[in-house]
C-alpha atoms as a PDB file:
ATOM      1  CA  UNK A   1      -1.240   0.129   5.756  1.00  0.00           C
ATOM      2  CA  UNK A   2       2.242   0.356   7.486  1.00  0.00           C
ATOM      3  CA  UNK A   3       3.500   3.802   8.623  1.00  0.00           C
ATOM      4  CA  UNK A   4       7.205   4.987   8.932  1.00  0.00           C
ATOM      5  CA  UNK A   5       8.364   8.495   9.861  1.00  0.00           C
ATOM      6  CA  UNK A   6      10.444  10.384   7.380  1.00  0.00           C
ATOM      7  CA  UNK A   7      13.511  12.221   8.383  1.00  0.00           C
ATOM      8  CA  UNK A   8      13.866  13.778   4.800  1.00  0.00           C
ATOM      9  CA  UNK A   9      13.625  17.694   4.745  1.00  0.00           C
ATOM     10  CA  UNK A  10      10.807  18.695   2.310  1.00  0.00           C
ATOM     11  CA  UNK A  11       9.555  22.157   1.230  1.00  0.00           C
ATOM     12  CA  UNK A  12       5.714  22.778   0.887  1.00  0.00           C
ATOM     13  CA  UNK A  13       4.931  23.161  -2.680  1.00  0.00           C
ATOM     14  CA  UNK A  14       2.447  25.988  -1.868  1.00  0.00           C
ATOM     15  CA  UNK A  15       4.293  28.226   0.645  1.00  0.00           C
ATOM     16  CA  UNK A  16       7.795  26.790   0.539  1.00  0.00           C
ATOM     17  CA  UNK A  17       7.811  26.400   4.085  1.00  0.00           C
ATOM     18  CA  UNK A  18      10.000  23.873   5.776  1.00  0.00           C
ATOM     19  CA  UNK A  19       7.588  23.131   8.653  1.00  0.00           C
ATOM     20  CA  UNK A  20       6.047  20.190   7.241  1.00  0.00           C
ATOM     21  CA  UNK A  21       5.142  16.833   8.433  1.00  0.00           C
ATOM     22  CA  UNK A  22       5.766  13.726   6.147  1.00  0.00           C
ATOM     23  CA  UNK A  23       4.565  10.303   6.523  1.00  0.00           C
ATOM     24  CA  UNK A  24       5.628   7.538   4.436  1.00  0.00           C
ATOM     25  CA  UNK A  25       3.388   4.450   3.941  1.00  0.00           C
ATOM     26  CA  UNK A  26       2.472   1.553   2.063  1.00  0.00           C
ATOM     27  CA  UNK A  27      -1.287   1.464   0.938  1.00  0.00           C
ATOM     28  CA  UNK A  28      -3.364  -1.680   0.750  1.00  0.00           C
ATOM     29  CA  UNK A  29      -2.504  -2.457  -2.948  1.00  0.00           C
ATOM     30  CA  UNK A  30       1.123  -2.168  -2.028  1.00  0.00           C
ATOM     31  CA  UNK A  31       1.848   1.406  -3.371  1.00  0.00           C
ATOM     32  CA  UNK A  32       4.420   3.285  -1.348  1.00  0.00           C
ATOM     33  CA  UNK A  33       3.317   6.512  -1.059  1.00  0.00           C
ATOM     34  CA  UNK A  34       4.274   9.807   1.050  1.00  0.00           C
ATOM     35  CA  UNK A  35       1.604  12.303   2.727  1.00  0.00           C
ATOM     36  CA  UNK A  36       3.025  15.581   3.139  1.00  0.00           C
ATOM     37  CA  UNK A  37       1.236  18.336   5.268  1.00  0.00           C
ATOM     38  CA  UNK A  38       2.407  21.647   5.826  1.00  0.00           C
ATOM     39  CA  UNK A  39       2.005  23.341   9.299  1.00  0.00           C
ATOM     40  CA  UNK A  40       2.209  26.904   8.007  1.00  0.00           C
ATOM     41  CA  UNK A  41      -0.132  27.019   5.222  1.00  0.00           C
ATOM     42  CA  UNK A  42      -2.166  23.673   5.868  1.00  0.00           C
ATOM     43  CA  UNK A  43      -1.505  22.668   2.126  1.00  0.00           C
ATOM     44  CA  UNK A  44      -1.571  18.694   2.125  1.00  0.00           C
ATOM     45  CA  UNK A  45      -0.318  16.648  -0.627  1.00  0.00           C
ATOM     46  CA  UNK A  46      -0.031  12.815  -1.659  1.00  0.00           C
ATOM     47  CA  UNK A  47       3.201  11.837  -3.317  1.00  0.00           C
ATOM     48  CA  UNK A  48       4.419   8.622  -4.982  1.00  0.00           C
ATOM     49  CA  UNK A  49       7.975   9.265  -5.855  1.00  0.00           C
ATOM     50  CA  UNK A  50       8.220  12.592  -7.489  1.00  0.00           C
ATOM     51  CA  UNK A  51       4.555  12.454  -8.718  1.00  0.00           C
ATOM     52  CA  UNK A  52       1.666  14.102  -7.188  1.00  0.00           C
ATOM     53  CA  UNK A  53      -1.475  11.620  -6.547  1.00  0.00           C
ATOM     54  CA  UNK A  54      -4.884  12.906  -6.358  1.00  0.00           C
ATOM     55  CA  UNK A  55      -6.818  12.052  -3.325  1.00  0.00           C
ATOM     56  CA  UNK A  56      -9.318  10.060  -5.090  1.00  0.00           C
ATOM     57  CA  UNK A  57      -6.595   7.832  -6.712  1.00  0.00           C
ATOM     58  CA  UNK A  58      -5.146   7.400  -2.878  1.00  0.00           C
ATOM     59  CA  UNK A  59      -8.435   6.406  -1.646  1.00  0.00           C
ATOM     60  CA  UNK A  60      -8.644   3.827  -4.343  1.00  0.00           C
ATOM     61  CA  UNK A  61      -5.551   2.353  -3.629  1.00  0.00           C
ATOM     62  CA  UNK A  62      -6.158   2.210   0.015  1.00  0.00           C
ATOM     63  CA  UNK A  63      -9.288  -0.048  -0.225  1.00  0.00           C
ATOM     64  CA  UNK A  64      -9.794  -3.278   1.090  1.00  0.00           C
ATOM     65  CA  UNK A  65     -10.243  -5.860  -1.641  1.00  0.00           C
ATOM     66  CA  UNK A  66     -13.391  -7.898  -1.210  1.00  0.00           C
END
């Protein structure tokens, strides 16, 4: 998994706040995703493009293949 800091300004989908931390990364299966965490309300979300990913899907994509 590689990490890269994002400079894009994003709003929290829960509280519309702008105090968000966004981390762009590539998961083990090659999927590019963004993790967004709101510092105001603590809402967390995983995105692939404009699509929200459930945590279970992210964990599956991040597993090492045996």
